[in-house]
Structures are given as structure tokens and as C-alpha cells.
Amino acid sequence: MSIGGERAAEGSSSPACRWGRRSGKFEPRSGGSAGCCNARGPSLSPDCSRQQIAEPREETRGRDDIARLTTVHDDVSRKVRQQYEENPYPRWVDAGRIVRPTTLQAWLRALSPDAGLREGSGGDILIAGCGTGQQAIEAAQNHPDARVLAVDLSLSSLAYARRKTRALGLANIEYGQADILRLDAIARTFDLIGPSECCITSPIRSRAGACS
């Protein structure tokens, strides 16, 4: 889902290389560049070293700093959380570039003349089930005057998202671990909610009155 603005190009969705169990060396993924891998043996090129060692280490160090906004008691939520703790997805690389950012106010008014924000507010956006942060970052880039709260069950996914956010220098995104079935506990309202379809049936309050 795209939340306003116009993107110049879609980014790559995963790291360029992977460990080949049969070959015993790093190999380019399908469509990836061989420049990431060292064909002479299992030693890593600088790009692979960053992707496979330095970045995961940075994510691990930052996990404990992520806010826990709700408890996670539901059995299904716990199983989903465990799945993505082990394998954050997607492990995207490049977010692309937003070429036409706009205010959230203008974007909402384009959808409906009756839509609007509180006077003097840049708006509040909730990304429910943000995963590794692509939609949250897109929203923050599209609407730099808005405040974005991005939540997910998985701390591993959130740590990945926060690392990418910091690398892009974005300061208008807040990340937190939360179960969307319990988001009423955070006692906040939002002007725009997206992108997860499950937010439509969850107890989330929106000033705009609808999920997008």
C-alpha cells in the first residue's frame, strides 16, 4: 500500500547474496550482483560482511530499547511473533526515493473534502503490523510533517525497521512492540491507519474514521 506521495523507483527486497550450502561460499541471489560475494572462498566481501554481520549485530544491540506498548497474550499472536522473530521479512535493502512529498492534510483532502486534521497538527499515522518498516518509512517520507507510530509483534522486525530508519535520517517515526488486538490500551487516536487489513476489525480508533 502506498500512503500518498510519489516514489521514484522501487527498491530491492532482499540482500544481494546468500550462503550456498553446496558450494561452501556466498553466492548472489537471483537477480543480485556478484559483487557482493567473494568467489574465491567463504570469506566475505565488504558488502556481505555489512549485511550478514554488522547490520544484524546492530539490530541485536538495539532490541532492548524498543518500547513495549502492549502485552502479547493471544496464542495466535504469539505464534506469529515467534515466526518473525526467527525470520524478519522482507529483508529489504533500498527504500527508493520519494520525489513528491505532501502534507497529510492535503492528501486526506484529496480523498475527501470533509477530511482534515486538528488545527496546527501535522497529523498522526498508525502503521499496524509494520514488519521491517517499508510502509512506515514510506509514510514518513511522503508526509514529513506527520508523526508515524509503527507497531509489530516481532522485536526482530522492529529492530530491522529502526536500523533502516536511522540510516535514512528520519526522525518522525516511533516504533513499538504491540499486538493490534490490544491497541486500545495505548489510548491514542490517529488520522490515518494502514496498511494491515486486519486493522479493519481491531479496536483501533481513528479520527479519520476509516482504515486505508
N, C-alpha and C. Protein backbone atom coordinates (compact mmCIF):
# COMPACT_ATOMS: atom_id res chain seq x y z
N MET A 1 0.83 -1.19 0.00
CA MET A 1 0.00 0.00 0.00
C MET A 1 0.87 1.24 0.00
N SER A 2 0.50 2.22 -0.81
CA SER A 2 1.22 3.48 -0.84
C SER A 2 0.41 4.54 -0.12
N ILE A 3 1.04 5.23 0.83
CA ILE A 3 0.35 6.25 1.60
C ILE A 3 0.81 7.61 1.11
N GLY A 4 0.20 8.10 0.01
CA GLY A 4 0.48 9.42 -0.51
C GLY A 4 1.82 9.52 -1.18
N GLY A 5 2.10 10.69 -1.80
CA GLY A 5 3.40 10.94 -2.40
C GLY A 5 3.62 10.14 -3.68
N GLU A 6 4.81 10.29 -4.24
CA GLU A 6 5.16 9.59 -5.47
C GLU A 6 6.57 9.06 -5.35
N ARG A 7 6.75 7.77 -5.59
CA ARG A 7 8.05 7.13 -5.43
C ARG A 7 8.77 7.05 -6.77
N ALA A 8 10.07 7.37 -6.74
CA ALA A 8 10.85 7.37 -7.98
C ALA A 8 11.09 5.97 -8.49
N ALA A 9 11.43 5.04 -7.60
CA ALA A 9 11.73 3.67 -8.03
C ALA A 9 11.59 2.74 -6.86
N GLU A 10 11.17 1.51 -7.13
CA GLU A 10 11.07 0.52 -6.08
C GLU A 10 12.45 0.01 -5.73
N GLY A 11 12.67 -0.26 -4.44
CA GLY A 11 13.97 -0.75 -4.00
C GLY A 11 14.07 -2.26 -4.06
N SER A 12 15.26 -2.76 -3.84
CA SER A 12 15.50 -4.19 -3.78
C SER A 12 14.84 -4.75 -2.53
N SER A 13 14.32 -5.98 -2.59
CA SER A 13 13.56 -6.54 -1.47
C SER A 13 14.37 -7.42 -0.55
N SER A 14 15.61 -7.76 -0.89
CA SER A 14 16.39 -8.64 -0.04
C SER A 14 17.87 -8.44 -0.29
N PRO A 15 18.72 -8.88 0.66
CA PRO A 15 20.17 -8.76 0.44
C PRO A 15 20.59 -9.45 -0.85
N ALA A 16 21.69 -9.00 -1.43
CA ALA A 16 22.09 -9.48 -2.75
C ALA A 16 22.71 -10.87 -2.73
N CYS A 17 23.14 -11.35 -1.53
CA CYS A 17 23.83 -12.63 -1.51
C CYS A 17 23.28 -13.56 -0.43
N ARG A 18 23.61 -14.83 -0.55
CA ARG A 18 23.22 -15.84 0.42
C ARG A 18 24.31 -16.88 0.51
N TRP A 19 24.31 -17.67 1.61
CA TRP A 19 25.31 -18.71 1.78
C TRP A 19 24.88 -19.96 1.00
N GLY A 20 25.74 -20.42 0.10
CA GLY A 20 25.45 -21.62 -0.67
C GLY A 20 25.93 -22.86 0.07
N ARG A 21 25.00 -23.67 0.53
CA ARG A 21 25.39 -24.85 1.33
C ARG A 21 26.20 -25.85 0.51
N ARG A 22 25.88 -25.99 -0.74
CA ARG A 22 26.60 -26.95 -1.58
C ARG A 22 27.96 -26.41 -2.02
N SER A 23 27.99 -25.12 -2.39
CA SER A 23 29.24 -24.55 -2.90
C SER A 23 30.20 -24.16 -1.79
N GLY A 24 29.66 -23.96 -0.57
CA GLY A 24 30.50 -23.55 0.54
C GLY A 24 31.02 -22.14 0.42
N LYS A 25 30.25 -21.25 -0.25
CA LYS A 25 30.65 -19.85 -0.37
C LYS A 25 29.40 -18.99 -0.55
N PHE A 26 29.58 -17.68 -0.39
CA PHE A 26 28.46 -16.77 -0.61
C PHE A 26 28.23 -16.62 -2.11
N GLU A 27 26.93 -16.65 -2.49
CA GLU A 27 26.55 -16.57 -3.89
C GLU A 27 25.53 -15.46 -4.07
N PRO A 28 25.46 -14.85 -5.25
CA PRO A 28 24.43 -13.83 -5.50
C PRO A 28 23.05 -14.47 -5.53
N ARG A 29 22.05 -13.78 -4.96
CA ARG A 29 20.68 -14.25 -5.11
C ARG A 29 20.24 -14.05 -6.56
N SER A 30 19.10 -14.64 -6.90
CA SER A 30 18.56 -14.46 -8.23
C SER A 30 18.35 -12.99 -8.51
N GLY A 31 18.95 -12.49 -9.55
CA GLY A 31 18.84 -11.09 -9.89
C GLY A 31 19.79 -10.19 -9.15
N GLY A 32 20.60 -10.76 -8.24
CA GLY A 32 21.52 -9.96 -7.45
C GLY A 32 22.84 -9.76 -8.15
N SER A 33 23.70 -8.99 -7.51
CA SER A 33 25.01 -8.70 -8.09
C SER A 33 26.06 -9.61 -7.50
N ALA A 34 26.93 -10.13 -8.37
CA ALA A 34 28.01 -10.99 -7.91
C ALA A 34 29.05 -10.21 -7.12
N GLY A 35 28.97 -8.87 -7.18
CA GLY A 35 29.95 -8.05 -6.49
C GLY A 35 29.87 -8.18 -4.98
N CYS A 36 28.76 -8.70 -4.47
CA CYS A 36 28.61 -8.85 -3.03
C CYS A 36 29.36 -10.06 -2.51
N CYS A 37 29.71 -10.99 -3.39
CA CYS A 37 30.25 -12.27 -2.95
C CYS A 37 31.70 -12.46 -3.40
N ASN A 38 32.43 -13.14 -2.57
CA ASN A 38 33.83 -13.42 -2.88
C ASN A 38 33.91 -14.83 -3.45
N ALA A 39 34.16 -14.93 -4.74
CA ALA A 39 34.14 -16.23 -5.41
C ALA A 39 35.32 -17.12 -5.02
N ARG A 40 36.31 -16.57 -4.34
CA ARG A 40 37.49 -17.36 -4.02
C ARG A 40 37.30 -18.26 -2.80
N GLY A 41 36.27 -18.06 -2.05
CA GLY A 41 36.09 -18.89 -0.87
C GLY A 41 35.05 -18.30 0.06
N PRO A 42 34.96 -18.81 1.31
CA PRO A 42 33.91 -18.39 2.23
C PRO A 42 34.14 -17.03 2.86
N SER A 43 35.25 -16.34 2.57
CA SER A 43 35.44 -15.01 3.14
C SER A 43 34.45 -14.04 2.52
N LEU A 44 34.10 -12.99 3.28
CA LEU A 44 33.05 -12.08 2.86
C LEU A 44 33.62 -10.83 2.21
N SER A 45 32.94 -10.37 1.17
CA SER A 45 33.24 -9.06 0.63
C SER A 45 32.74 -8.01 1.62
N PRO A 46 33.14 -6.75 1.50
CA PRO A 46 32.65 -5.72 2.42
C PRO A 46 31.13 -5.61 2.46
N ASP A 47 30.46 -5.73 1.30
CA ASP A 47 29.01 -5.63 1.27
C ASP A 47 28.36 -6.77 2.05
N CYS A 48 28.85 -7.98 1.82
CA CYS A 48 28.28 -9.13 2.52
C CYS A 48 28.60 -9.07 4.02
N SER A 49 29.77 -8.63 4.35
CA SER A 49 30.14 -8.51 5.76
C SER A 49 29.21 -7.55 6.47
N ARG A 50 28.87 -6.45 5.80
CA ARG A 50 27.95 -5.49 6.40
C ARG A 50 26.56 -6.10 6.57
N GLN A 51 26.05 -6.75 5.49
CA GLN A 51 24.70 -7.30 5.51
C GLN A 51 24.55 -8.47 6.46
N GLN A 52 25.58 -9.33 6.52
CA GLN A 52 25.45 -10.58 7.26
C GLN A 52 25.98 -10.51 8.69
N ILE A 53 26.81 -9.52 9.00
CA ILE A 53 27.42 -9.46 10.32
C ILE A 53 27.14 -8.14 11.03
N ALA A 54 27.58 -7.03 10.43
CA ALA A 54 27.49 -5.74 11.11
C ALA A 54 26.05 -5.29 11.35
N GLU A 55 25.20 -5.40 10.33
CA GLU A 55 23.83 -4.93 10.48
C GLU A 55 23.03 -5.79 11.46
N PRO A 56 23.08 -7.13 11.38
CA PRO A 56 22.38 -7.94 12.40
C PRO A 56 22.89 -7.67 13.81
N ARG A 57 24.18 -7.40 13.95
CA ARG A 57 24.73 -7.09 15.28
C ARG A 57 24.14 -5.78 15.80
N GLU A 58 24.02 -4.80 14.93
CA GLU A 58 23.42 -3.51 15.32
C GLU A 58 21.96 -3.71 15.74
N GLU A 59 21.23 -4.54 15.01
CA GLU A 59 19.83 -4.79 15.34
C GLU A 59 19.70 -5.48 16.70
N THR A 60 20.57 -6.45 16.97
CA THR A 60 20.53 -7.16 18.25
C THR A 60 20.79 -6.23 19.42
N ARG A 61 21.75 -5.31 19.24
CA ARG A 61 22.07 -4.37 20.32
C ARG A 61 20.90 -3.45 20.63
N GLY A 62 20.08 -3.13 19.62
CA GLY A 62 19.01 -2.16 19.83
C GLY A 62 17.67 -2.74 20.24
N ARG A 63 17.54 -4.06 20.31
CA ARG A 63 16.24 -4.67 20.62
C ARG A 63 15.67 -4.22 21.95
N ASP A 64 16.52 -4.15 22.98
CA ASP A 64 16.03 -3.85 24.32
C ASP A 64 15.54 -2.41 24.46
N ASP A 65 15.89 -1.55 23.51
CA ASP A 65 15.48 -0.15 23.59
C ASP A 65 14.11 0.09 22.96
N ILE A 66 13.55 -0.91 22.30
CA ILE A 66 12.25 -0.74 21.64
C ILE A 66 11.13 -0.80 22.68
N ALA A 67 10.24 0.17 22.63
CA ALA A 67 9.15 0.26 23.60
C ALA A 67 8.20 -0.93 23.45
N ARG A 68 7.76 -1.47 24.59
CA ARG A 68 6.72 -2.49 24.62
C ARG A 68 5.41 -1.79 24.96
N LEU A 69 4.55 -1.62 23.96
CA LEU A 69 3.35 -0.82 24.14
C LEU A 69 2.16 -1.62 24.67
N THR A 70 2.11 -2.91 24.35
CA THR A 70 1.04 -3.77 24.87
C THR A 70 1.62 -5.14 25.21
N THR A 71 0.87 -5.90 25.94
CA THR A 71 1.23 -7.29 26.17
C THR A 71 0.82 -8.13 24.96
N VAL A 72 1.39 -9.33 24.85
CA VAL A 72 1.04 -10.25 23.76
C VAL A 72 0.62 -11.56 24.42
N HIS A 73 -0.69 -11.75 24.59
CA HIS A 73 -1.21 -12.93 25.27
C HIS A 73 -1.90 -13.91 24.32
N ASP A 74 -2.45 -13.40 23.22
CA ASP A 74 -3.20 -14.25 22.30
C ASP A 74 -2.31 -15.34 21.72
N ASP A 75 -2.80 -16.58 21.69
CA ASP A 75 -1.99 -17.71 21.22
C ASP A 75 -1.55 -17.54 19.77
N VAL A 76 -2.46 -17.11 18.91
CA VAL A 76 -2.11 -16.91 17.51
C VAL A 76 -1.07 -15.80 17.37
N SER A 77 -1.26 -14.72 18.12
CA SER A 77 -0.30 -13.61 18.07
C SER A 77 1.09 -14.08 18.50
N ARG A 78 1.15 -14.93 19.51
CA ARG A 78 2.44 -15.43 19.98
C ARG A 78 3.12 -16.29 18.93
N LYS A 79 2.35 -17.11 18.23
CA LYS A 79 2.93 -17.95 17.18
C LYS A 79 3.44 -17.11 16.02
N VAL A 80 2.68 -16.09 15.65
CA VAL A 80 3.11 -15.19 14.58
C VAL A 80 4.37 -14.45 15.00
N ARG A 81 4.39 -13.98 16.24
CA ARG A 81 5.57 -13.27 16.74
C ARG A 81 6.81 -14.16 16.66
N GLN A 82 6.69 -15.41 17.08
CA GLN A 82 7.83 -16.31 17.06
C GLN A 82 8.35 -16.55 15.65
N GLN A 83 7.43 -16.68 14.70
CA GLN A 83 7.82 -16.89 13.30
C GLN A 83 8.69 -15.75 12.79
N TYR A 84 8.28 -14.51 13.09
CA TYR A 84 9.01 -13.36 12.56
C TYR A 84 10.18 -12.95 13.45
N GLU A 85 10.23 -13.43 14.68
CA GLU A 85 11.44 -13.23 15.47
C GLU A 85 12.58 -14.02 14.86
N GLU A 86 12.27 -15.20 14.37
CA GLU A 86 13.30 -16.06 13.77
C GLU A 86 13.66 -15.60 12.36
N ASN A 87 12.67 -15.07 11.63
CA ASN A 87 12.91 -14.70 10.22
C ASN A 87 12.19 -13.40 9.89
N PRO A 88 12.77 -12.24 10.24
CA PRO A 88 12.15 -10.97 9.85
C PRO A 88 12.02 -10.91 8.33
N TYR A 89 10.86 -10.45 7.87
CA TYR A 89 10.60 -10.45 6.42
C TYR A 89 9.76 -9.23 6.05
N PRO A 90 10.04 -8.62 4.89
CA PRO A 90 11.16 -8.89 3.98
C PRO A 90 12.44 -8.19 4.44
N ARG A 91 13.58 -8.77 4.12
CA ARG A 91 14.87 -8.13 4.43
C ARG A 91 15.24 -7.23 3.24
N TRP A 92 14.54 -6.14 3.14
CA TRP A 92 14.71 -5.24 2.01
C TRP A 92 15.98 -4.40 2.18
N VAL A 93 16.46 -3.86 1.05
CA VAL A 93 17.72 -3.12 1.06
C VAL A 93 17.51 -1.64 0.80
N ASP A 94 16.83 -1.29 -0.29
CA ASP A 94 16.71 0.11 -0.70
C ASP A 94 15.25 0.52 -0.69
N ALA A 95 14.94 1.60 0.02
CA ALA A 95 13.56 2.06 0.11
C ALA A 95 13.12 2.85 -1.11
N GLY A 96 14.05 3.21 -1.98
CA GLY A 96 13.69 4.08 -3.08
C GLY A 96 13.63 5.53 -2.61
N ARG A 97 13.17 6.41 -3.46
CA ARG A 97 13.18 7.84 -3.14
C ARG A 97 11.82 8.45 -3.42
N ILE A 98 11.29 9.18 -2.46
CA ILE A 98 10.03 9.90 -2.64
C ILE A 98 10.33 11.22 -3.34
N VAL A 99 9.72 11.45 -4.49
CA VAL A 99 10.04 12.66 -5.25
C VAL A 99 9.01 13.77 -5.04
N ARG A 100 7.83 13.43 -4.54
CA ARG A 100 6.82 14.46 -4.33
C ARG A 100 6.14 14.28 -2.97
N PRO A 101 6.83 14.61 -1.88
CA PRO A 101 6.18 14.55 -0.57
C PRO A 101 5.07 15.58 -0.47
N THR A 102 4.11 15.32 0.39
CA THR A 102 2.99 16.23 0.57
C THR A 102 2.56 16.21 2.02
N THR A 103 1.75 17.17 2.41
CA THR A 103 1.23 17.15 3.77
C THR A 103 0.13 16.10 3.87
N LEU A 104 -0.04 15.54 5.05
CA LEU A 104 -1.13 14.59 5.26
C LEU A 104 -2.47 15.28 5.07
N GLN A 105 -2.57 16.53 5.49
CA GLN A 105 -3.80 17.31 5.31
C GLN A 105 -4.20 17.36 3.85
N ALA A 106 -3.27 17.70 2.97
CA ALA A 106 -3.58 17.81 1.55
C ALA A 106 -3.96 16.46 0.96
N TRP A 107 -3.26 15.40 1.40
CA TRP A 107 -3.56 14.08 0.87
C TRP A 107 -4.95 13.61 1.28
N LEU A 108 -5.31 13.84 2.54
CA LEU A 108 -6.65 13.45 3.00
C LEU A 108 -7.74 14.26 2.31
N ARG A 109 -7.49 15.56 2.12
CA ARG A 109 -8.49 16.41 1.45
C ARG A 109 -8.69 15.98 0.00
N ALA A 110 -7.64 15.46 -0.63
CA ALA A 110 -7.77 14.97 -2.00
C ALA A 110 -8.67 13.74 -2.06
N LEU A 111 -8.68 12.97 -0.97
CA LEU A 111 -9.55 11.79 -0.91
C LEU A 111 -10.98 12.17 -0.58
N SER A 112 -11.13 13.15 0.31
CA SER A 112 -12.46 13.59 0.73
C SER A 112 -12.40 15.04 1.19
N PRO A 113 -13.19 15.92 0.62
CA PRO A 113 -13.16 17.33 1.02
C PRO A 113 -13.49 17.54 2.50
N ASP A 114 -14.19 16.59 3.10
CA ASP A 114 -14.59 16.72 4.50
C ASP A 114 -13.50 16.25 5.46
N ALA A 115 -12.49 15.59 4.93
CA ALA A 115 -11.42 15.09 5.79
C ALA A 115 -10.49 16.22 6.19
N GLY A 116 -9.91 16.12 7.37
CA GLY A 116 -9.00 17.15 7.81
C GLY A 116 -8.38 16.82 9.14
N LEU A 117 -7.41 17.61 9.54
CA LEU A 117 -6.68 17.40 10.78
C LEU A 117 -7.05 18.48 11.78
N ARG A 118 -6.65 18.25 13.01
CA ARG A 118 -6.78 19.30 14.02
C ARG A 118 -5.94 20.50 13.62
N GLU A 119 -6.39 21.68 13.94
CA GLU A 119 -5.66 22.89 13.58
C GLU A 119 -4.26 22.87 14.20
N GLY A 120 -3.26 23.16 13.38
CA GLY A 120 -1.89 23.20 13.87
C GLY A 120 -1.23 21.84 14.00
N SER A 121 -1.90 20.77 13.54
CA SER A 121 -1.35 19.42 13.66
C SER A 121 -0.90 18.93 12.30
N GLY A 122 0.26 18.27 12.27
CA GLY A 122 0.72 17.65 11.04
C GLY A 122 0.08 16.30 10.81
N GLY A 123 -0.59 15.78 11.83
CA GLY A 123 -1.30 14.51 11.70
C GLY A 123 -0.57 13.35 12.34
N ASP A 124 -1.34 12.33 12.71
CA ASP A 124 -0.82 11.12 13.32
C ASP A 124 -1.19 9.93 12.46
N ILE A 125 -0.18 9.12 12.11
CA ILE A 125 -0.37 7.94 11.27
C ILE A 125 0.01 6.70 12.08
N LEU A 126 -0.83 5.68 12.02
CA LEU A 126 -0.52 4.39 12.63
C LEU A 126 -0.26 3.37 11.53
N ILE A 127 0.89 2.72 11.57
CA ILE A 127 1.17 1.59 10.69
C ILE A 127 1.06 0.33 11.55
N ALA A 128 -0.04 -0.39 11.40
CA ALA A 128 -0.35 -1.54 12.24
C ALA A 128 0.17 -2.81 11.58
N GLY A 129 1.16 -3.45 12.21
CA GLY A 129 1.81 -4.60 11.61
C GLY A 129 2.85 -4.13 10.61
N CYS A 130 3.80 -3.33 11.09
CA CYS A 130 4.74 -2.64 10.19
C CYS A 130 5.84 -3.55 9.65
N GLY A 131 6.03 -4.73 10.23
CA GLY A 131 7.08 -5.62 9.75
C GLY A 131 8.45 -4.97 9.83
N THR A 132 9.19 -5.02 8.74
CA THR A 132 10.54 -4.48 8.71
C THR A 132 10.59 -3.02 8.27
N GLY A 133 9.44 -2.35 8.21
CA GLY A 133 9.43 -0.91 8.15
C GLY A 133 9.23 -0.23 6.81
N GLN A 134 9.02 -0.96 5.73
CA GLN A 134 8.90 -0.31 4.43
C GLN A 134 7.74 0.68 4.38
N GLN A 135 6.55 0.27 4.83
CA GLN A 135 5.39 1.15 4.75
C GLN A 135 5.52 2.33 5.72
N ALA A 136 6.09 2.08 6.89
CA ALA A 136 6.27 3.17 7.86
C ALA A 136 7.22 4.22 7.31
N ILE A 137 8.31 3.78 6.71
CA ILE A 137 9.29 4.71 6.15
C ILE A 137 8.68 5.47 4.97
N GLU A 138 7.91 4.77 4.14
CA GLU A 138 7.25 5.43 3.02
C GLU A 138 6.30 6.51 3.51
N ALA A 139 5.53 6.20 4.56
CA ALA A 139 4.59 7.18 5.11
C ALA A 139 5.33 8.39 5.67
N ALA A 140 6.42 8.15 6.38
CA ALA A 140 7.19 9.25 6.97
C ALA A 140 7.84 10.11 5.90
N GLN A 141 8.28 9.50 4.81
CA GLN A 141 8.87 10.27 3.71
C GLN A 141 7.81 11.04 2.93
N ASN A 142 6.66 10.41 2.72
CA ASN A 142 5.58 11.07 1.99
C ASN A 142 5.03 12.27 2.75
N HIS A 143 4.95 12.15 4.08
CA HIS A 143 4.32 13.18 4.91
C HIS A 143 5.29 13.58 6.03
N PRO A 144 6.32 14.36 5.71
CA PRO A 144 7.35 14.67 6.70
C PRO A 144 6.86 15.50 7.88
N ASP A 145 5.68 16.11 7.75
CA ASP A 145 5.14 16.89 8.87
C ASP A 145 4.32 16.03 9.83
N ALA A 146 4.05 14.78 9.45
CA ALA A 146 3.21 13.89 10.28
C ALA A 146 4.07 13.09 11.25
N ARG A 147 3.42 12.61 12.31
CA ARG A 147 4.05 11.70 13.27
C ARG A 147 3.56 10.28 12.95
N VAL A 148 4.51 9.34 12.84
CA VAL A 148 4.18 7.97 12.49
C VAL A 148 4.48 7.06 13.67
N LEU A 149 3.48 6.28 14.08
CA LEU A 149 3.69 5.21 15.06
C LEU A 149 3.59 3.90 14.31
N ALA A 150 4.66 3.11 14.34
CA ALA A 150 4.72 1.83 13.64
C ALA A 150 4.85 0.71 14.66
N VAL A 151 3.93 -0.24 14.64
CA VAL A 151 3.93 -1.31 15.64
C VAL A 151 3.95 -2.67 14.96
N ASP A 152 4.52 -3.63 15.68
CA ASP A 152 4.58 -5.00 15.18
C ASP A 152 4.75 -5.93 16.37
N LEU A 153 4.44 -7.22 16.16
CA LEU A 153 4.64 -8.21 17.21
C LEU A 153 6.12 -8.55 17.41
N SER A 154 6.88 -8.48 16.33
CA SER A 154 8.25 -9.01 16.32
C SER A 154 9.28 -7.94 16.62
N LEU A 155 10.06 -8.14 17.69
CA LEU A 155 11.16 -7.23 18.01
C LEU A 155 12.25 -7.29 16.94
N SER A 156 12.48 -8.46 16.37
CA SER A 156 13.48 -8.59 15.32
C SER A 156 13.11 -7.74 14.11
N SER A 157 11.84 -7.78 13.72
CA SER A 157 11.38 -6.96 12.60
C SER A 157 11.49 -5.47 12.93
N LEU A 158 11.10 -5.11 14.14
CA LEU A 158 11.17 -3.71 14.55
C LEU A 158 12.60 -3.20 14.60
N ALA A 159 13.52 -4.05 15.05
CA ALA A 159 14.93 -3.66 15.10
C ALA A 159 15.47 -3.43 13.70
N TYR A 160 15.06 -4.26 12.74
CA TYR A 160 15.46 -4.07 11.35
C TYR A 160 14.90 -2.75 10.83
N ALA A 161 13.62 -2.50 11.11
CA ALA A 161 12.97 -1.27 10.65
C ALA A 161 13.64 -0.03 11.24
N ARG A 162 13.97 -0.09 12.50
CA ARG A 162 14.57 1.09 13.14
C ARG A 162 15.98 1.35 12.61
N ARG A 163 16.73 0.29 12.33
CA ARG A 163 18.05 0.49 11.74
C ARG A 163 17.94 1.17 10.39
N LYS A 164 17.00 0.73 9.55
CA LYS A 164 16.83 1.34 8.24
C LYS A 164 16.36 2.79 8.37
N THR A 165 15.51 3.06 9.35
CA THR A 165 15.01 4.41 9.57
C THR A 165 16.14 5.35 9.96
N ARG A 166 17.00 4.90 10.85
CA ARG A 166 18.14 5.72 11.27
C ARG A 166 19.10 5.96 10.11
N ALA A 167 19.30 4.95 9.27
CA ALA A 167 20.20 5.10 8.13
C ALA A 167 19.69 6.16 7.16
N LEU A 168 18.37 6.31 7.09
CA LEU A 168 17.77 7.30 6.20
C LEU A 168 17.65 8.68 6.86
N GLY A 169 17.95 8.76 8.16
CA GLY A 169 17.90 10.04 8.86
C GLY A 169 16.50 10.54 9.14
N LEU A 170 15.51 9.63 9.24
CA LEU A 170 14.13 10.03 9.51
C LEU A 170 13.89 10.15 11.01
N ALA A 171 13.27 11.24 11.42
CA ALA A 171 13.06 11.47 12.85
C ALA A 171 11.59 11.47 13.24
N ASN A 172 10.68 11.21 12.29
CA ASN A 172 9.25 11.30 12.60
C ASN A 172 8.57 9.94 12.69
N ILE A 173 9.36 8.88 12.98
CA ILE A 173 8.78 7.55 13.18
C ILE A 173 9.13 7.05 14.58
N GLU A 174 8.12 6.53 15.27
CA GLU A 174 8.29 5.88 16.57
C GLU A 174 7.91 4.41 16.40
N TYR A 175 8.77 3.52 16.88
CA TYR A 175 8.49 2.09 16.78
C TYR A 175 8.14 1.51 18.14
N GLY A 176 7.23 0.54 18.16
CA GLY A 176 6.88 -0.12 19.40
C GLY A 176 6.34 -1.51 19.16
N GLN A 177 6.62 -2.41 20.11
CA GLN A 177 6.06 -3.76 20.02
C GLN A 177 4.64 -3.74 20.57
N ALA A 178 3.71 -4.26 19.79
CA ALA A 178 2.31 -4.26 20.22
C ALA A 178 1.53 -5.30 19.44
N ASP A 179 0.50 -5.82 20.10
CA ASP A 179 -0.47 -6.70 19.47
C ASP A 179 -1.64 -5.81 19.04
N ILE A 180 -1.98 -5.81 17.74
CA ILE A 180 -3.05 -4.92 17.29
C ILE A 180 -4.40 -5.29 17.91
N LEU A 181 -4.52 -6.49 18.48
CA LEU A 181 -5.76 -6.85 19.17
C LEU A 181 -5.91 -6.11 20.49
N ARG A 182 -4.83 -5.47 20.96
CA ARG A 182 -4.85 -4.78 22.24
C ARG A 182 -4.45 -3.31 22.13
N LEU A 183 -4.53 -2.76 20.91
CA LEU A 183 -4.07 -1.39 20.71
C LEU A 183 -4.94 -0.35 21.40
N ASP A 184 -6.15 -0.73 21.81
CA ASP A 184 -6.96 0.23 22.56
C ASP A 184 -6.28 0.61 23.87
N ALA A 185 -5.35 -0.23 24.34
CA ALA A 185 -4.67 0.04 25.61
C ALA A 185 -3.71 1.23 25.53
N ILE A 186 -3.31 1.63 24.32
CA ILE A 186 -2.36 2.74 24.25
C ILE A 186 -3.05 4.10 24.30
N ALA A 187 -4.38 4.11 24.21
CA ALA A 187 -5.17 5.33 24.39
C ALA A 187 -4.71 6.47 23.48
N ARG A 188 -4.53 6.19 22.21
CA ARG A 188 -4.19 7.22 21.24
C ARG A 188 -5.13 7.15 20.04
N THR A 189 -5.31 8.26 19.37
CA THR A 189 -6.13 8.29 18.16
C THR A 189 -5.25 8.69 16.99
N PHE A 190 -5.73 8.36 15.77
CA PHE A 190 -4.92 8.56 14.58
C PHE A 190 -5.76 9.12 13.44
N ASP A 191 -5.10 9.87 12.57
CA ASP A 191 -5.77 10.43 11.40
C ASP A 191 -5.77 9.47 10.22
N LEU A 192 -4.81 8.55 10.22
CA LEU A 192 -4.70 7.58 9.14
C LEU A 192 -4.13 6.29 9.70
N ILE A 193 -4.73 5.16 9.31
CA ILE A 193 -4.28 3.85 9.76
C ILE A 193 -4.00 2.98 8.54
N GLY A 194 -2.87 2.31 8.55
CA GLY A 194 -2.54 1.41 7.45
C GLY A 194 -1.32 0.60 7.84
N PRO A 195 -0.87 -0.38 7.06
CA PRO A 195 -1.54 -0.87 5.85
C PRO A 195 -2.25 -2.18 6.07
N SER A 196 -2.15 -2.73 7.29
CA SER A 196 -2.62 -4.09 7.53
C SER A 196 -4.13 -4.17 7.46
N GLU A 197 -4.64 -5.14 6.66
CA GLU A 197 -6.09 -5.31 6.53
C GLU A 197 -6.72 -5.71 7.85
N CYS A 198 -5.92 -6.35 8.73
CA CYS A 198 -6.51 -6.82 9.99
C CYS A 198 -6.87 -5.66 10.90
N CYS A 199 -6.36 -4.47 10.62
CA CYS A 199 -6.72 -3.34 11.48
C CYS A 199 -8.20 -2.98 11.33
N ILE A 200 -8.82 -3.43 10.22
CA ILE A 200 -10.22 -3.08 9.99
C ILE A 200 -11.12 -3.66 11.06
N THR A 201 -10.78 -4.83 11.60
CA THR A 201 -11.62 -5.47 12.60
C THR A 201 -11.05 -5.37 14.00
N SER A 202 -9.98 -4.61 14.18
CA SER A 202 -9.39 -4.47 15.50
C SER A 202 -9.87 -3.19 16.17
N PRO A 203 -9.79 -3.12 17.52
CA PRO A 203 -10.32 -1.96 18.25
C PRO A 203 -9.37 -0.77 18.22
N ILE A 204 -9.15 -0.19 17.04
CA ILE A 204 -8.27 0.96 16.88
C ILE A 204 -9.13 2.16 16.54
N ARG A 205 -8.92 3.26 17.24
CA ARG A 205 -9.71 4.45 17.00
C ARG A 205 -9.01 5.35 16.00
N SER A 206 -9.76 5.84 15.01
CA SER A 206 -9.19 6.71 14.00
C SER A 206 -10.03 7.97 13.89
N ARG A 207 -9.39 9.14 13.96
CA ARG A 207 -10.11 10.39 13.80
C ARG A 207 -10.71 10.49 12.39
N ALA A 208 -10.00 9.90 11.41
CA ALA A 208 -10.48 9.96 10.04
C ALA A 208 -11.65 9.01 9.81
N GLY A 209 -11.83 8.05 10.70
CA GLY A 209 -12.99 7.18 10.68
C GLY A 209 -12.88 5.96 9.79
N ALA A 210 -11.70 5.70 9.21
CA ALA A 210 -11.58 4.53 8.34
C ALA A 210 -10.13 4.10 8.25
N CYS A 211 -9.94 2.84 7.91
CA CYS A 211 -8.60 2.33 7.63
C CYS A 211 -8.31 2.50 6.15
N SER A 212 -7.02 2.66 5.82
CA SER A 212 -6.64 2.78 4.42
C SER A 212 -5.58 1.74 4.11
